[in-house]
Amino acid sequence: MHKRLAGDALFLFQLGFALVFGIGQFVQLLSSSQGVSVSWFGAWQVFLLLNLWLAWHAHKAAPSRISVQVLTIYIALSVMVTANLAVMFVRGTGVWTELDTLTAVLAAIGVFTTLVIGKFDLSNPLVKGWLAVFFKAAPQVILAWSIWRYGGEGVSWIAVIAGHVMILTRLGQLYFSVREAGWDKNRIGLLISEGSNELSWILATGVWMVR
């Protein structure tokens, strides 16, 4: 019972922060997109879809209340990222820059390397986990550089804090999921992707704070 209550609390906590992040960043983008790039949001959307794929197969392998909650979080975040991309395009700030090109190149190199090492086996959850790394961690490293060069006015402080809370909460959910169903390749893939997500967001946060 205590484990179930803790898992439900993590789910509600993260869902609330997903709304806080999405709304806070949406409002910020209405006034400024400084330091924020189209490729960051675009790559993030791909990252979420990859993790949604991993979470779905983890749920199919061992269905549970927690696995349904994990799926719900990824769906909610995908909606939030789509809304933020939409406001950039509506305001005309969603333009492609040299940093977007750099992000795309680095992500492409990482993706190609992962596919070669993984023998192009897209059914392998570990391959999907590493693909998620290059669709999220790499763009966030470029985001840190963009903030350093141009400033980070377009990044909401609410989004910075909520980002860490959401990632750590998802890692917490993964912990409870592993305790409940044990390790499998899908959950290891989620750990790889979310762990790199948090490390790269720490870098972006540090640059945002000093810039």
Protein backbone atom coordinates (compact mmCIF):
# COMPACT_ATOMS: atom_id res chain seq x y z
CA MET A 1 0.00 0.00 0.00
CA HIS A 2 2.79 2.43 0.91
CA LYS A 3 4.60 1.72 -2.37
CA ARG A 4 1.38 2.34 -4.30
CA LEU A 5 0.76 5.63 -2.51
CA ALA A 6 4.35 6.74 -3.14
CA GLY A 7 4.07 5.86 -6.83
CA ASP A 8 0.74 7.69 -7.16
CA ALA A 9 2.21 10.74 -5.42
CA LEU A 10 5.15 10.79 -7.84
CA PHE A 11 2.76 10.52 -10.77
CA LEU A 12 0.51 13.40 -9.64
CA PHE A 13 3.55 15.48 -8.70
CA GLN A 14 5.14 15.05 -12.12
CA LEU A 15 1.90 15.58 -14.01
CA GLY A 16 1.42 18.85 -12.14
CA PHE A 17 4.95 19.98 -12.96
CA ALA A 18 4.46 19.00 -16.62
CA LEU A 19 1.58 21.49 -16.70
CA VAL A 20 3.67 24.09 -14.86
CA PHE A 21 6.54 23.63 -17.31
CA GLY A 22 4.35 23.72 -20.40
CA ILE A 23 2.32 26.75 -19.37
CA GLY A 24 5.29 28.65 -17.94
CA GLN A 25 7.44 28.15 -21.02
CA PHE A 26 4.48 28.89 -23.31
CA VAL A 27 3.92 32.24 -21.60
CA GLN A 28 7.65 33.04 -21.75
CA LEU A 29 7.77 32.34 -25.49
CA LEU A 30 4.96 34.82 -26.04
CA SER A 31 7.42 37.59 -25.15
CA SER A 32 10.88 36.18 -25.99
CA SER A 33 12.52 33.15 -27.58
CA GLN A 34 16.12 34.25 -26.86
CA GLY A 35 18.36 31.20 -26.47
CA VAL A 36 15.59 28.79 -27.45
CA SER A 37 15.80 26.93 -30.75
CA VAL A 38 13.37 25.05 -32.95
CA SER A 39 15.73 22.06 -33.07
CA TRP A 40 15.73 21.80 -29.26
CA PHE A 41 11.96 21.41 -29.13
CA GLY A 42 11.90 19.26 -32.27
CA ALA A 43 14.56 16.89 -30.99
CA TRP A 44 12.85 16.83 -27.60
CA GLN A 45 9.63 15.72 -29.28
CA VAL A 46 11.46 12.84 -30.96
CA PHE A 47 13.04 11.97 -27.58
CA LEU A 48 9.60 11.83 -25.96
CA LEU A 49 8.19 9.65 -28.72
CA LEU A 50 11.12 7.23 -28.39
CA ASN A 51 10.62 7.04 -24.63
CA LEU A 52 6.89 6.62 -25.16
CA TRP A 53 7.71 3.67 -27.41
CA LEU A 54 9.99 2.18 -24.73
CA ALA A 55 7.41 2.79 -22.00
CA TRP A 56 4.67 1.20 -24.12
CA HIS A 57 6.68 -1.99 -24.67
CA ALA A 58 7.67 -2.06 -20.99
CA HIS A 59 3.95 -1.83 -20.18
CA LYS A 60 3.13 -4.65 -22.61
CA ALA A 61 5.84 -6.84 -21.06
CA ALA A 62 4.68 -6.20 -17.49
CA PRO A 63 1.42 -4.19 -17.27
CA SER A 64 0.95 -2.28 -14.04
CA ARG A 65 -0.53 0.87 -12.55
CA ILE A 66 2.90 2.52 -12.62
CA SER A 67 3.56 1.67 -16.28
CA VAL A 68 0.24 3.31 -17.22
CA GLN A 69 1.27 6.41 -15.25
CA VAL A 70 4.62 6.56 -17.06
CA LEU A 71 2.82 6.40 -20.41
CA THR A 72 0.47 9.20 -19.33
CA ILE A 73 3.39 11.47 -18.39
CA TYR A 74 5.11 11.04 -21.76
CA ILE A 75 1.86 11.77 -23.61
CA ALA A 76 1.28 14.92 -21.52
CA LEU A 77 4.82 16.16 -22.15
CA SER A 78 4.47 15.54 -25.89
CA VAL A 79 1.38 17.77 -25.92
CA MET A 80 3.26 20.49 -24.00
CA VAL A 81 6.23 20.46 -26.38
CA THR A 82 3.91 20.62 -29.38
CA ALA A 83 2.18 23.67 -27.88
CA ASN A 84 5.52 25.43 -27.32
CA LEU A 85 6.63 24.72 -30.87
CA ALA A 86 3.32 26.04 -32.14
CA VAL A 87 3.68 29.39 -30.36
CA MET A 88 7.16 29.87 -31.86
CA PHE A 89 5.87 29.30 -35.37
CA VAL A 90 2.81 31.51 -34.83
CA ARG A 91 5.01 34.37 -33.54
CA GLY A 92 7.47 33.90 -36.40
CA THR A 93 10.39 33.07 -34.07
CA GLY A 94 10.52 29.45 -35.17
CA VAL A 95 13.29 30.01 -37.71
CA TRP A 96 16.17 27.67 -38.52
CA THR A 97 19.63 28.95 -37.54
CA GLU A 98 23.22 27.72 -37.70
CA LEU A 99 22.83 26.33 -34.18
CA ASP A 100 19.88 24.28 -35.36
CA THR A 101 22.07 22.93 -38.14
CA LEU A 102 24.80 22.08 -35.63
CA THR A 103 22.25 20.35 -33.41
CA ALA A 104 20.94 18.34 -36.36
CA VAL A 105 24.46 17.34 -37.45
CA LEU A 106 25.52 16.21 -33.97
CA ALA A 107 22.28 14.32 -33.46
CA ALA A 108 22.65 12.67 -36.88
CA ILE A 109 26.23 11.57 -36.12
CA GLY A 110 25.15 10.15 -32.77
CA VAL A 111 22.14 8.40 -34.26
CA PHE A 112 24.16 6.89 -37.13
CA THR A 113 26.88 5.69 -34.74
CA THR A 114 24.28 4.12 -32.46
CA LEU A 115 22.60 2.36 -35.36
CA VAL A 116 25.90 1.00 -36.67
CA ILE A 117 26.98 -0.30 -33.24
CA GLY A 118 23.48 -1.66 -32.64
CA LYS A 119 23.49 -3.32 -36.09
CA PHE A 120 20.44 -1.25 -37.09
CA ASP A 121 18.29 -3.31 -34.72
CA LEU A 122 15.52 -0.82 -33.91
CA SER A 123 13.69 -3.51 -31.96
CA ASN A 124 16.50 -3.42 -29.36
CA PRO A 125 15.39 -1.21 -26.42
CA LEU A 126 19.02 -0.31 -25.67
CA VAL A 127 19.42 1.06 -29.18
CA LYS A 128 16.26 3.15 -28.73
CA GLY A 129 17.58 4.33 -25.36
CA TRP A 130 20.83 5.59 -26.92
CA LEU A 131 18.94 7.16 -29.80
CA ALA A 132 16.99 9.12 -27.19
CA VAL A 133 20.30 10.36 -25.77
CA PHE A 134 21.22 11.99 -29.06
CA PHE A 135 17.76 13.46 -29.53
CA LYS A 136 17.76 15.06 -26.04
CA ALA A 137 21.16 15.28 -24.36
CA ALA A 138 23.01 16.50 -27.47
CA PRO A 139 20.46 19.27 -28.24
CA GLN A 140 20.57 20.39 -24.61
CA VAL A 141 24.35 20.76 -24.79
CA ILE A 142 23.84 22.99 -27.85
CA LEU A 143 21.09 24.81 -25.95
CA ALA A 144 23.64 25.59 -23.22
CA TRP A 145 25.97 27.02 -25.87
CA SER A 146 23.13 29.05 -27.38
CA ILE A 147 22.28 30.50 -23.96
CA TRP A 148 25.94 31.37 -23.42
CA ARG A 149 26.19 33.16 -26.77
CA TYR A 150 22.83 34.89 -26.96
CA GLY A 151 21.39 34.87 -23.44
CA GLY A 152 18.61 32.79 -22.00
CA GLU A 153 15.70 35.19 -21.75
CA GLY A 154 13.54 32.80 -23.75
CA VAL A 155 13.99 30.04 -21.16
CA SER A 156 11.56 30.41 -18.27
CA TRP A 157 12.95 29.96 -14.75
CA ILE A 158 9.81 27.93 -14.07
CA ALA A 159 10.76 25.62 -16.93
CA VAL A 160 14.32 25.25 -15.60
CA ILE A 161 13.13 24.14 -12.17
CA ALA A 162 10.22 22.08 -13.46
CA GLY A 163 12.55 20.34 -15.92
CA HIS A 164 14.72 18.96 -13.12
CA VAL A 165 11.72 18.01 -11.01
CA MET A 166 10.11 16.12 -13.89
CA ILE A 167 13.27 14.23 -14.87
CA LEU A 168 14.06 13.23 -11.28
CA THR A 169 10.46 12.22 -10.72
CA ARG A 170 10.50 10.03 -13.84
CA LEU A 171 13.69 8.42 -12.54
CA GLY A 172 11.84 7.89 -9.26
CA GLN A 173 8.97 6.25 -11.12
CA LEU A 174 11.46 4.07 -12.96
CA TYR A 175 12.91 3.03 -9.60
CA PHE A 176 9.49 1.93 -8.33
CA SER A 177 8.79 0.21 -11.65
CA VAL A 178 12.05 -1.76 -11.37
CA ARG A 179 11.28 -2.72 -7.78
CA GLU A 180 7.89 -3.94 -8.92
CA ALA A 181 8.79 -5.76 -12.14
CA GLY A 182 12.61 -5.98 -12.16
CA TRP A 183 15.09 -4.86 -14.79
CA ASP A 184 14.53 -5.51 -18.45
CA LYS A 185 16.03 -3.95 -21.58
CA ASN A 186 13.16 -1.45 -21.90
CA ARG A 187 13.73 -0.12 -18.39
CA ILE A 188 17.51 -0.03 -18.90
CA GLY A 189 16.87 1.97 -22.08
CA LEU A 190 14.73 4.41 -20.11
CA LEU A 191 17.49 4.77 -17.49
CA ILE A 192 20.07 5.57 -20.18
CA SER A 193 17.87 8.19 -21.84
CA GLU A 194 16.60 9.87 -18.67
CA GLY A 195 20.01 9.78 -16.94
CA SER A 196 21.66 11.59 -19.85
CA ASN A 197 18.68 13.95 -19.96
CA GLU A 198 19.29 15.07 -16.38
CA LEU A 199 23.07 15.44 -16.81
CA SER A 200 22.69 17.63 -19.91
CA TRP A 201 19.93 19.70 -18.26
CA ILE A 202 22.27 20.32 -15.31
CA LEU A 203 24.79 21.73 -17.81
CA ALA A 204 22.17 23.95 -19.47
CA THR A 205 20.93 25.13 -16.08
CA GLY A 206 24.44 26.03 -14.92
CA VAL A 207 25.05 28.14 -18.05
CA TRP A 208 21.61 29.76 -17.73
CA MET A 209 22.36 30.73 -14.11
CA VAL A 210 25.74 32.36 -14.79
CA ARG A 211 24.73 33.96 -18.10
